[in-house]
N, C-alpha and C. Protein backbone atom coordinates (compact mmCIF):
# COMPACT_ATOMS: atom_id res chain seq x y z
N MET A 1 119.77 -104.05 169.57
CA MET A 1 119.24 -103.42 170.61
C MET A 1 120.26 -102.50 171.26
N LYS A 2 119.80 -101.27 171.47
CA LYS A 2 120.72 -100.25 171.98
C LYS A 2 120.43 -100.17 173.44
N MET A 3 121.54 -100.19 174.23
CA MET A 3 121.49 -100.11 175.68
C MET A 3 121.48 -98.75 176.22
N LYS A 4 120.75 -98.40 177.12
CA LYS A 4 120.64 -97.04 177.67
C LYS A 4 121.74 -96.88 178.76
N LEU A 5 122.55 -95.82 178.71
CA LEU A 5 123.60 -95.66 179.70
C LEU A 5 123.00 -95.01 180.94
N ASN A 6 123.30 -95.47 182.07
CA ASN A 6 122.85 -94.92 183.35
C ASN A 6 123.91 -93.79 183.65
N PRO A 7 123.36 -92.48 183.72
CA PRO A 7 124.24 -91.37 183.80
C PRO A 7 125.03 -91.43 185.17
N LEU A 8 124.41 -91.97 186.25
CA LEU A 8 125.09 -92.14 187.53
C LEU A 8 126.24 -93.06 187.40
N ARG A 9 126.12 -94.14 186.75
CA ARG A 9 127.19 -95.11 186.55
C ARG A 9 128.39 -94.47 185.74
N ALA A 10 128.03 -93.58 184.81
CA ALA A 10 129.02 -92.96 184.01
C ALA A 10 129.79 -92.02 184.82
N LEU A 11 129.29 -91.36 185.88
CA LEU A 11 129.98 -90.42 186.53
C LEU A 11 131.17 -91.01 187.42
N VAL A 12 130.94 -92.20 187.93
CA VAL A 12 131.97 -92.75 188.83
C VAL A 12 133.33 -92.84 188.21
N PRO A 13 133.42 -93.51 186.97
CA PRO A 13 134.85 -93.52 186.36
C PRO A 13 135.26 -92.16 185.94
N ILE A 14 134.38 -91.25 185.49
CA ILE A 14 134.73 -89.89 184.99
C ILE A 14 135.23 -89.24 186.19
N LEU A 15 134.61 -89.22 187.30
CA LEU A 15 135.09 -88.48 188.52
C LEU A 15 136.47 -89.13 188.96
N GLY A 16 136.58 -90.40 188.90
CA GLY A 16 137.91 -91.02 189.15
C GLY A 16 139.05 -90.53 188.33
N LEU A 17 138.76 -90.37 187.03
CA LEU A 17 139.75 -89.81 186.13
C LEU A 17 140.02 -88.41 186.52
N VAL A 18 138.98 -87.64 186.79
CA VAL A 18 139.31 -86.26 187.12
C VAL A 18 140.18 -86.10 188.39
N VAL A 19 139.82 -86.81 189.41
CA VAL A 19 140.54 -86.68 190.64
C VAL A 19 142.05 -87.27 190.49
N GLY A 20 142.11 -88.45 189.79
CA GLY A 20 143.33 -89.04 189.62
C GLY A 20 144.26 -88.47 188.64
N LEU A 21 143.69 -87.76 187.69
CA LEU A 21 144.63 -87.21 186.63
C LEU A 21 144.70 -85.74 186.65
N PHE A 22 143.64 -85.08 187.17
CA PHE A 22 143.64 -83.56 187.13
C PHE A 22 144.23 -82.95 188.36
N LEU A 23 144.02 -83.53 189.49
CA LEU A 23 144.63 -82.90 190.73
C LEU A 23 146.08 -83.04 190.75
N PRO A 24 146.69 -84.34 190.58
CA PRO A 24 148.08 -84.44 190.68
C PRO A 24 148.74 -83.69 189.40
N HIS A 25 149.92 -83.26 189.58
CA HIS A 25 150.67 -82.58 188.42
C HIS A 25 151.99 -83.24 188.29
N LEU A 26 152.02 -84.03 187.25
CA LEU A 26 153.33 -84.76 187.02
C LEU A 26 153.96 -84.37 185.71
N ALA A 27 153.36 -83.54 184.91
CA ALA A 27 153.86 -83.24 183.53
C ALA A 27 155.10 -82.41 183.76
N LEU A 28 155.99 -82.53 182.77
CA LEU A 28 157.33 -81.77 182.83
C LEU A 28 157.23 -80.55 182.17
N GLY A 29 157.99 -79.50 182.64
CA GLY A 29 158.05 -78.24 182.06
C GLY A 29 156.89 -77.29 181.93
N VAL A 30 156.03 -77.50 182.97
CA VAL A 30 154.82 -76.50 182.96
C VAL A 30 154.73 -75.86 184.30
N ALA A 31 153.93 -74.78 184.32
CA ALA A 31 153.75 -74.09 185.57
C ALA A 31 153.12 -75.06 186.67
N LEU A 32 153.23 -74.66 187.91
CA LEU A 32 152.63 -75.33 188.96
C LEU A 32 151.12 -75.20 188.80
N PRO A 33 150.36 -76.21 189.15
CA PRO A 33 148.95 -76.17 188.97
C PRO A 33 148.21 -75.23 189.93
N PRO A 34 147.14 -74.53 189.42
CA PRO A 34 146.46 -73.67 190.39
C PRO A 34 145.72 -74.52 191.38
N MET A 35 145.39 -74.00 192.49
CA MET A 35 144.71 -74.70 193.58
C MET A 35 143.25 -74.96 193.10
N ASP A 36 142.57 -73.97 192.49
CA ASP A 36 141.19 -74.12 192.13
C ASP A 36 140.94 -73.77 190.72
N TYR A 37 140.07 -74.51 190.05
CA TYR A 37 139.56 -74.08 188.67
C TYR A 37 138.32 -74.83 188.47
N GLU A 38 137.52 -74.38 187.42
CA GLU A 38 136.35 -74.89 186.98
C GLU A 38 136.15 -74.94 185.53
N GLY A 39 135.29 -75.59 185.00
CA GLY A 39 134.93 -75.59 183.58
C GLY A 39 133.94 -76.59 183.16
N TYR A 40 133.66 -76.67 181.92
CA TYR A 40 132.73 -77.62 181.35
C TYR A 40 133.57 -78.86 180.98
N MET A 41 133.19 -80.09 181.46
CA MET A 41 133.91 -81.37 181.04
C MET A 41 133.07 -82.02 180.11
N ILE A 42 133.68 -82.25 178.92
CA ILE A 42 133.03 -83.09 177.83
C ILE A 42 133.73 -84.40 177.82
N TYR A 43 132.87 -85.43 178.05
CA TYR A 43 133.31 -86.79 178.00
C TYR A 43 132.79 -87.47 176.67
N LYS A 44 133.80 -88.02 175.91
CA LYS A 44 133.36 -88.66 174.76
C LYS A 44 133.81 -90.09 174.90
N GLY A 45 132.94 -91.06 174.65
CA GLY A 45 133.30 -92.35 174.78
C GLY A 45 132.45 -93.31 173.85
N PRO A 46 132.42 -94.58 174.04
CA PRO A 46 131.70 -95.48 173.16
C PRO A 46 130.13 -95.28 173.15
N SER A 47 129.72 -94.76 174.27
CA SER A 47 128.22 -94.47 174.31
C SER A 47 127.75 -93.10 173.90
N GLY A 48 128.78 -92.32 173.39
CA GLY A 48 128.46 -90.96 172.95
C GLY A 48 129.15 -89.89 173.81
N ALA A 49 128.66 -88.65 173.70
CA ALA A 49 129.22 -87.57 174.50
C ALA A 49 128.30 -87.20 175.59
N MET A 50 128.95 -86.74 176.68
CA MET A 50 128.21 -86.24 177.81
C MET A 50 128.91 -85.04 178.32
N SER A 51 128.13 -84.12 178.85
CA SER A 51 128.62 -82.83 179.40
C SER A 51 128.39 -82.72 180.82
N TYR A 52 129.42 -82.26 181.60
CA TYR A 52 129.30 -82.07 183.05
C TYR A 52 129.92 -80.74 183.47
N ARG A 53 129.55 -80.23 184.61
CA ARG A 53 130.25 -79.08 185.05
C ARG A 53 131.22 -79.59 186.14
N ALA A 54 132.46 -79.13 186.09
CA ALA A 54 133.47 -79.77 186.90
C ALA A 54 134.21 -78.53 187.74
N TYR A 55 134.42 -78.87 189.01
CA TYR A 55 135.06 -77.98 189.90
C TYR A 55 136.18 -78.73 190.58
N ILE A 56 137.36 -78.19 190.53
CA ILE A 56 138.60 -78.97 190.94
C ILE A 56 139.21 -78.12 191.81
N SER A 57 139.61 -78.60 193.10
CA SER A 57 140.15 -77.79 194.06
C SER A 57 141.04 -78.64 195.05
N SER A 58 141.83 -78.04 195.77
CA SER A 58 142.64 -78.75 196.80
C SER A 58 141.63 -79.26 197.92
N SER A 59 140.42 -78.80 197.92
CA SER A 59 139.37 -79.24 198.90
C SER A 59 138.63 -80.52 198.34
N GLY A 60 138.76 -80.75 197.03
CA GLY A 60 138.06 -81.93 196.47
C GLY A 60 137.67 -81.68 195.01
N VAL A 61 136.80 -82.56 194.53
CA VAL A 61 136.30 -82.50 193.20
C VAL A 61 134.87 -82.64 193.19
N ARG A 62 134.11 -81.72 192.36
CA ARG A 62 132.71 -81.85 192.33
C ARG A 62 132.37 -81.90 190.82
N ILE A 63 131.53 -82.87 190.51
CA ILE A 63 131.13 -83.10 189.15
C ILE A 63 129.62 -83.00 189.11
N GLU A 64 129.01 -82.09 188.34
CA GLU A 64 127.54 -81.95 188.33
C GLU A 64 126.95 -82.45 186.96
N GLY A 65 126.11 -83.40 187.10
CA GLY A 65 125.43 -83.94 185.88
C GLY A 65 123.92 -83.65 186.00
N THR A 66 123.12 -84.11 185.15
CA THR A 66 121.71 -83.93 185.18
C THR A 66 121.08 -84.66 186.41
N GLY A 67 120.66 -83.92 187.43
CA GLY A 67 119.99 -84.52 188.54
C GLY A 67 120.90 -85.20 189.55
N THR A 68 122.22 -85.14 189.27
CA THR A 68 123.16 -85.86 190.16
C THR A 68 124.45 -85.10 190.33
N VAL A 69 124.92 -85.05 191.57
CA VAL A 69 126.14 -84.35 191.84
C VAL A 69 127.04 -85.29 192.61
N GLN A 70 128.30 -85.38 192.12
CA GLN A 70 129.35 -86.25 192.93
C GLN A 70 130.35 -85.30 193.51
N ILE A 71 130.63 -85.51 194.82
CA ILE A 71 131.70 -84.73 195.47
C ILE A 71 132.69 -85.79 196.03
N ALA A 72 133.90 -85.60 195.64
CA ALA A 72 135.06 -86.42 196.18
C ALA A 72 135.79 -85.58 197.17
N ARG A 73 135.97 -86.12 198.38
CA ARG A 73 136.71 -85.46 199.40
C ARG A 73 137.92 -86.29 199.88
N PRO A 74 139.06 -86.13 199.15
CA PRO A 74 140.30 -86.90 199.53
C PRO A 74 140.59 -86.75 201.05
N ASP A 75 140.47 -85.61 201.67
CA ASP A 75 140.82 -85.40 203.04
C ASP A 75 139.97 -86.35 204.01
N LEU A 76 138.69 -86.61 203.62
CA LEU A 76 137.78 -87.44 204.35
C LEU A 76 137.75 -88.86 203.89
N GLY A 77 138.40 -89.19 202.74
CA GLY A 77 138.32 -90.41 202.06
C GLY A 77 136.85 -90.87 201.64
N VAL A 78 136.04 -89.93 201.24
CA VAL A 78 134.66 -90.25 200.84
C VAL A 78 134.32 -89.72 199.50
N LEU A 79 133.25 -90.37 198.94
CA LEU A 79 132.61 -89.93 197.74
C LEU A 79 131.17 -89.90 198.09
N TRP A 80 130.59 -88.64 197.89
CA TRP A 80 129.13 -88.42 198.09
C TRP A 80 128.45 -88.34 196.70
N THR A 81 127.36 -89.12 196.60
CA THR A 81 126.53 -88.91 195.36
C THR A 81 125.21 -88.32 195.86
N LEU A 82 124.87 -87.07 195.36
CA LEU A 82 123.67 -86.39 195.75
C LEU A 82 122.74 -86.55 194.66
N LYS A 83 121.40 -86.89 195.02
CA LYS A 83 120.28 -86.81 194.14
C LYS A 83 119.66 -85.58 194.35
N THR A 84 119.70 -84.64 193.46
CA THR A 84 119.15 -83.27 193.65
C THR A 84 117.59 -83.20 193.82
N ALA A 85 116.92 -83.99 193.01
CA ALA A 85 115.43 -83.95 193.07
C ALA A 85 114.89 -84.59 194.41
N GLU A 86 115.53 -85.56 194.89
CA GLU A 86 115.19 -86.25 196.17
C GLU A 86 115.75 -85.51 197.38
N ARG A 87 116.78 -84.73 197.25
CA ARG A 87 117.51 -84.08 198.29
C ARG A 87 118.13 -85.22 199.20
N THR A 88 118.67 -86.24 198.56
CA THR A 88 119.31 -87.32 199.37
C THR A 88 120.71 -87.54 198.93
N TYR A 89 121.49 -88.21 199.68
CA TYR A 89 122.90 -88.51 199.28
C TYR A 89 123.27 -89.95 199.76
N GLU A 90 124.22 -90.49 199.01
CA GLU A 90 124.87 -91.76 199.48
C GLU A 90 126.27 -91.43 199.67
N GLU A 91 126.92 -92.29 200.57
CA GLU A 91 128.29 -92.09 200.89
C GLU A 91 129.09 -93.43 200.69
N ARG A 92 130.18 -93.35 200.02
CA ARG A 92 131.03 -94.54 199.77
C ARG A 92 132.46 -94.20 200.07
N PRO A 93 133.22 -95.25 200.47
CA PRO A 93 134.71 -94.97 200.67
C PRO A 93 135.33 -94.57 199.25
N LEU A 94 136.13 -93.56 199.32
CA LEU A 94 136.69 -93.06 198.07
C LEU A 94 137.48 -94.07 197.33
N GLU A 95 138.30 -94.85 198.02
CA GLU A 95 139.16 -95.86 197.30
C GLU A 95 138.30 -96.91 196.71
N ASN A 96 137.16 -97.21 197.15
CA ASN A 96 136.27 -98.23 196.45
C ASN A 96 135.57 -97.68 195.30
N ALA A 97 135.23 -96.40 195.36
CA ALA A 97 134.48 -95.83 194.24
C ALA A 97 135.34 -95.25 193.16
N MET A 98 136.52 -94.91 193.42
CA MET A 98 137.38 -94.27 192.42
C MET A 98 138.74 -94.87 192.27
N PRO A 99 138.91 -95.76 191.38
CA PRO A 99 140.26 -96.52 191.22
C PRO A 99 141.33 -95.57 190.72
N TYR A 100 141.01 -94.43 190.21
CA TYR A 100 142.00 -93.50 189.59
C TYR A 100 142.55 -92.51 190.65
N PHE A 101 141.96 -92.44 191.90
CA PHE A 101 142.31 -91.40 192.87
C PHE A 101 143.61 -91.81 193.55
N SER A 102 144.36 -90.73 193.76
CA SER A 102 145.55 -90.77 194.63
C SER A 102 146.13 -89.31 194.72
N PRO A 103 146.30 -88.80 196.04
CA PRO A 103 146.82 -87.37 196.08
C PRO A 103 148.29 -87.33 195.54
N GLU A 104 148.95 -88.42 195.59
CA GLU A 104 150.37 -88.40 195.31
C GLU A 104 150.60 -88.58 193.67
N GLY A 105 149.55 -88.91 192.96
CA GLY A 105 149.62 -89.09 191.51
C GLY A 105 148.77 -90.06 191.04
N VAL A 106 148.90 -90.58 189.87
CA VAL A 106 148.12 -91.61 189.32
C VAL A 106 148.47 -92.95 189.87
N PRO A 107 147.56 -93.57 190.59
CA PRO A 107 147.87 -94.95 191.21
C PRO A 107 148.34 -95.97 190.17
N GLY A 108 149.28 -96.65 190.50
CA GLY A 108 149.69 -97.77 189.65
C GLY A 108 150.54 -97.32 188.42
N THR A 109 151.06 -96.08 188.49
CA THR A 109 151.83 -95.60 187.31
C THR A 109 153.20 -96.39 187.14
N ILE A 110 153.41 -96.84 186.06
CA ILE A 110 154.62 -97.63 185.73
C ILE A 110 155.56 -96.59 184.96
N ASP A 111 154.99 -95.77 184.16
CA ASP A 111 155.92 -94.91 183.46
C ASP A 111 155.08 -93.73 182.99
N GLU A 112 155.72 -92.60 183.01
CA GLU A 112 155.11 -91.29 182.42
C GLU A 112 156.17 -90.64 181.58
N THR A 113 155.90 -90.34 180.37
CA THR A 113 156.86 -89.84 179.40
C THR A 113 156.38 -88.66 178.77
N TYR A 114 157.06 -87.51 178.84
CA TYR A 114 156.73 -86.29 178.23
C TYR A 114 156.96 -86.52 176.74
N SER A 115 155.96 -86.06 175.90
CA SER A 115 156.17 -86.32 174.46
C SER A 115 155.96 -85.06 173.57
N GLY A 116 156.20 -83.94 174.03
CA GLY A 116 156.11 -82.75 173.26
C GLY A 116 155.00 -81.92 173.63
N GLN A 117 154.62 -80.97 172.60
CA GLN A 117 153.61 -79.94 172.87
C GLN A 117 152.52 -80.16 171.80
N GLU A 118 151.38 -79.72 172.13
CA GLU A 118 150.12 -79.71 171.15
C GLU A 118 149.17 -78.62 171.55
N LEU A 119 148.44 -78.11 170.61
CA LEU A 119 147.47 -77.24 170.93
C LEU A 119 146.11 -77.85 171.24
N VAL A 120 145.46 -77.60 172.36
CA VAL A 120 144.22 -78.18 172.72
C VAL A 120 143.36 -77.05 173.13
N GLY A 121 142.16 -76.87 172.38
CA GLY A 121 141.29 -75.75 172.65
C GLY A 121 141.99 -74.36 172.66
N GLY A 122 142.95 -74.25 171.79
CA GLY A 122 143.67 -72.95 171.66
C GLY A 122 144.77 -72.76 172.74
N MET A 123 144.99 -73.78 173.56
CA MET A 123 146.08 -73.63 174.62
C MET A 123 147.07 -74.52 174.22
N ARG A 124 148.47 -73.97 174.48
CA ARG A 124 149.68 -74.75 174.20
C ARG A 124 149.85 -75.68 175.36
N CYS A 125 149.80 -76.98 175.13
CA CYS A 125 149.84 -77.97 176.17
C CYS A 125 151.09 -78.90 176.07
N SER A 126 151.50 -79.33 177.17
CA SER A 126 152.50 -80.33 177.28
C SER A 126 151.65 -81.64 177.28
N LYS A 127 152.17 -82.64 176.37
CA LYS A 127 151.50 -83.96 176.25
C LYS A 127 152.45 -84.97 176.92
N SER A 128 151.75 -85.80 177.66
CA SER A 128 152.45 -87.03 178.35
C SER A 128 151.81 -88.28 178.18
N PHE A 129 152.50 -89.35 177.91
CA PHE A 129 151.96 -90.67 177.92
C PHE A 129 152.10 -91.30 179.26
N ILE A 130 151.07 -91.89 179.73
CA ILE A 130 151.17 -92.47 181.04
C ILE A 130 150.76 -93.96 180.88
N THR A 131 151.55 -94.83 181.42
CA THR A 131 151.19 -96.33 181.42
C THR A 131 151.04 -96.63 182.92
N ARG A 132 149.96 -97.36 183.20
CA ARG A 132 149.72 -97.81 184.61
C ARG A 132 149.07 -99.15 184.63
N THR A 133 149.10 -99.75 185.81
CA THR A 133 148.25 -100.90 186.07
C THR A 133 147.43 -100.70 187.35
N VAL A 134 146.16 -101.03 187.25
CA VAL A 134 145.20 -101.00 188.39
C VAL A 134 144.45 -102.29 188.46
N GLY A 135 144.50 -102.96 189.51
CA GLY A 135 143.78 -104.28 189.60
C GLY A 135 144.29 -105.22 188.62
N GLY A 136 145.53 -105.19 188.25
CA GLY A 136 146.11 -106.15 187.26
C GLY A 136 145.73 -105.77 185.81
N VAL A 137 145.11 -104.71 185.58
CA VAL A 137 144.72 -104.22 184.23
C VAL A 137 145.58 -103.06 183.78
N LYS A 138 146.31 -103.24 182.67
CA LYS A 138 147.16 -102.22 182.13
C LYS A 138 146.35 -101.11 181.40
N GLU A 139 146.74 -99.89 181.66
CA GLU A 139 146.07 -98.74 180.89
C GLU A 139 147.09 -97.90 180.30
N ASP A 140 146.87 -97.47 179.10
CA ASP A 140 147.71 -96.44 178.41
C ASP A 140 146.93 -95.16 178.26
N LEU A 141 147.39 -94.15 178.82
CA LEU A 141 146.65 -92.78 178.90
C LEU A 141 147.49 -91.72 178.26
N ILE A 142 146.83 -90.75 177.81
CA ILE A 142 147.53 -89.50 177.37
C ILE A 142 146.92 -88.36 178.17
N ARG A 143 147.85 -87.40 178.62
CA ARG A 143 147.34 -86.18 179.34
C ARG A 143 147.94 -84.87 178.70
N TRP A 144 147.06 -83.92 178.49
CA TRP A 144 147.58 -82.66 177.96
C TRP A 144 147.40 -81.60 179.16
N THR A 145 148.43 -80.95 179.41
CA THR A 145 148.47 -79.93 180.46
C THR A 145 148.80 -78.60 179.93
N ASP A 146 148.05 -77.57 180.19
CA ASP A 146 148.26 -76.27 179.67
C ASP A 146 149.53 -75.67 180.22
N GLN A 147 150.45 -75.28 179.43
CA GLN A 147 151.86 -74.84 179.90
C GLN A 147 151.81 -73.52 180.68
N LYS A 148 150.75 -72.72 180.34
CA LYS A 148 150.69 -71.36 180.95
C LYS A 148 150.11 -71.53 182.42
N THR A 149 149.08 -72.31 182.57
CA THR A 149 148.40 -72.39 183.90
C THR A 149 148.70 -73.65 184.70
N GLY A 150 149.19 -74.65 184.16
CA GLY A 150 149.30 -75.96 184.80
C GLY A 150 148.12 -76.83 184.83
N VAL A 151 146.96 -76.31 184.30
CA VAL A 151 145.76 -77.08 184.36
C VAL A 151 145.80 -78.18 183.27
N THR A 152 145.33 -79.35 183.67
CA THR A 152 145.15 -80.49 182.84
C THR A 152 143.83 -80.30 182.09
N VAL A 153 143.98 -80.08 180.73
CA VAL A 153 142.76 -79.71 179.98
C VAL A 153 142.21 -80.86 179.16
N LYS A 154 142.99 -81.96 178.98
CA LYS A 154 142.45 -83.15 178.31
C LYS A 154 143.10 -84.35 178.63
N VAL A 155 142.39 -85.40 178.78
CA VAL A 155 142.95 -86.73 179.14
C VAL A 155 142.13 -87.73 178.25
N GLY A 156 142.80 -88.83 177.94
CA GLY A 156 142.14 -89.90 177.15
C GLY A 156 143.00 -91.09 177.05
N ASP A 157 142.47 -92.22 176.48
CA ASP A 157 143.27 -93.43 176.35
C ASP A 157 144.01 -93.27 175.05
N ARG A 158 145.21 -93.91 174.90
CA ARG A 158 145.92 -93.81 173.74
C ARG A 158 145.39 -94.32 172.46
N TYR A 159 144.35 -95.08 172.58
CA TYR A 159 143.76 -95.75 171.44
C TYR A 159 142.44 -94.98 170.90
N GLY A 160 142.18 -93.89 171.50
CA GLY A 160 141.04 -93.03 171.03
C GLY A 160 139.67 -93.59 171.43
N ARG A 161 139.58 -94.51 172.39
CA ARG A 161 138.23 -94.99 172.71
C ARG A 161 137.45 -94.03 173.58
N TRP A 162 138.21 -93.19 174.33
CA TRP A 162 137.43 -92.13 175.12
C TRP A 162 138.39 -91.07 175.40
N SER A 163 137.78 -89.80 175.63
CA SER A 163 138.51 -88.74 175.98
C SER A 163 137.60 -87.79 176.88
N MET A 164 138.38 -86.95 177.64
CA MET A 164 137.65 -86.01 178.58
C MET A 164 138.40 -84.68 178.38
N GLU A 165 137.71 -83.59 178.16
CA GLU A 165 138.25 -82.33 177.96
C GLU A 165 137.67 -81.23 178.74
N ILE A 166 138.44 -80.44 179.43
CA ILE A 166 137.86 -79.33 180.24
C ILE A 166 137.78 -78.17 179.25
N LYS A 167 136.60 -77.70 178.92
CA LYS A 167 136.43 -76.48 178.10
C LYS A 167 136.43 -75.25 178.94
N ASN A 168 137.10 -74.16 178.41
CA ASN A 168 137.16 -72.89 179.04
C ASN A 168 137.44 -72.95 180.53
N PRO A 169 138.58 -73.53 180.96
CA PRO A 169 138.88 -73.69 182.40
C PRO A 169 139.13 -72.17 182.93
N LYS A 170 138.43 -72.01 184.10
CA LYS A 170 138.55 -70.63 184.75
C LYS A 170 139.28 -70.90 186.15
N LEU A 171 140.50 -70.10 186.26
CA LEU A 171 141.20 -70.13 187.56
C LEU A 171 140.46 -69.10 188.49
N ARG A 172 140.03 -69.66 189.62
CA ARG A 172 139.43 -68.81 190.68
C ARG A 172 139.39 -69.63 191.91
N MET A 173 139.17 -68.85 193.04
CA MET A 173 139.06 -69.49 194.34
C MET A 173 137.59 -70.05 194.32
N LEU A 174 137.37 -71.21 194.72
CA LEU A 174 136.11 -71.85 194.81
C LEU A 174 135.67 -71.91 196.28
N PRO A 175 134.38 -71.67 196.46
CA PRO A 175 133.90 -71.68 197.86
C PRO A 175 134.03 -73.14 198.45
N LYS A 176 134.47 -73.27 199.61
CA LYS A 176 134.55 -74.58 200.37
C LYS A 176 133.33 -75.29 200.35
N GLY A 177 132.19 -74.50 200.40
CA GLY A 177 130.81 -75.12 200.39
C GLY A 177 130.42 -75.97 199.16
N LEU A 178 131.15 -75.79 198.13
CA LEU A 178 130.92 -76.58 196.93
C LEU A 178 131.36 -78.04 197.15
N PHE A 179 132.14 -78.27 198.18
CA PHE A 179 132.63 -79.60 198.52
C PHE A 179 132.04 -80.22 199.80
N GLU A 180 130.89 -79.69 200.11
CA GLU A 180 130.09 -80.12 201.38
C GLU A 180 128.79 -80.53 200.96
N ILE A 181 128.07 -81.37 201.77
CA ILE A 181 126.72 -81.86 201.53
C ILE A 181 125.86 -80.59 201.85
N PRO A 182 125.03 -80.24 200.96
CA PRO A 182 124.18 -79.01 201.24
C PRO A 182 123.15 -79.34 202.34
N LYS A 183 122.78 -78.17 203.05
CA LYS A 183 121.87 -78.44 204.17
C LYS A 183 120.58 -78.95 203.57
N GLY A 184 119.84 -79.73 204.31
CA GLY A 184 118.57 -80.22 204.03
C GLY A 184 118.65 -81.58 203.31
N TYR A 185 119.79 -82.05 202.95
CA TYR A 185 120.01 -83.34 202.26
C TYR A 185 120.01 -84.42 203.35
N VAL A 186 119.36 -85.47 203.09
CA VAL A 186 119.34 -86.66 204.00
C VAL A 186 120.06 -87.89 203.44
N LYS A 187 120.82 -88.59 204.35
CA LYS A 187 121.54 -89.69 203.94
C LYS A 187 120.55 -90.85 203.62
N LYS A 188 120.78 -91.44 202.38
CA LYS A 188 119.87 -92.46 202.02
C LYS A 188 120.06 -93.67 202.95
N GLY A 189 118.87 -94.24 203.33
CA GLY A 189 118.91 -95.40 204.22
C GLY A 189 118.92 -94.95 205.68
N SER A 190 118.93 -93.66 205.96
CA SER A 190 118.89 -93.21 207.39
C SER A 190 117.45 -93.22 207.98
């Protein structure tokens, strides 16, 4: 029997990875990261592949899926999940919803080691191995950061179980409104 994946449940860990691994910049020998960029995020995991639109900024992270938008606001410590068809949203504390988030770097990092260069999507990237523990669970990750722009373009676990890649990242100033709840949305349960 094949289990159906709930797209909303899939967004939470993905958004956590984006915030925790894409905003901080710890890789060696690359340019400083841009403040704002966007692209198509392709997540590949045990349940298949999923595509999202991703906006990453110093103001927050926005991940758009089918019928659902998640906005992480580190400055406010919140994660909003918007249901576009219902025009409703839910609010949760960021630290409870996203175990990968930290403005200072990847939480629980034990070690980060630069391991050379690789091409990813035609971009020359610095490759780093990250070992961390979160909630007593050890994780081994790989991160690829474009040497020219400082944008993290791919992240995955060292064992190939999942990966996430930003396709065609575009550096540009993103409107602050992308990281706000749109007018007309009502808080669920209000």
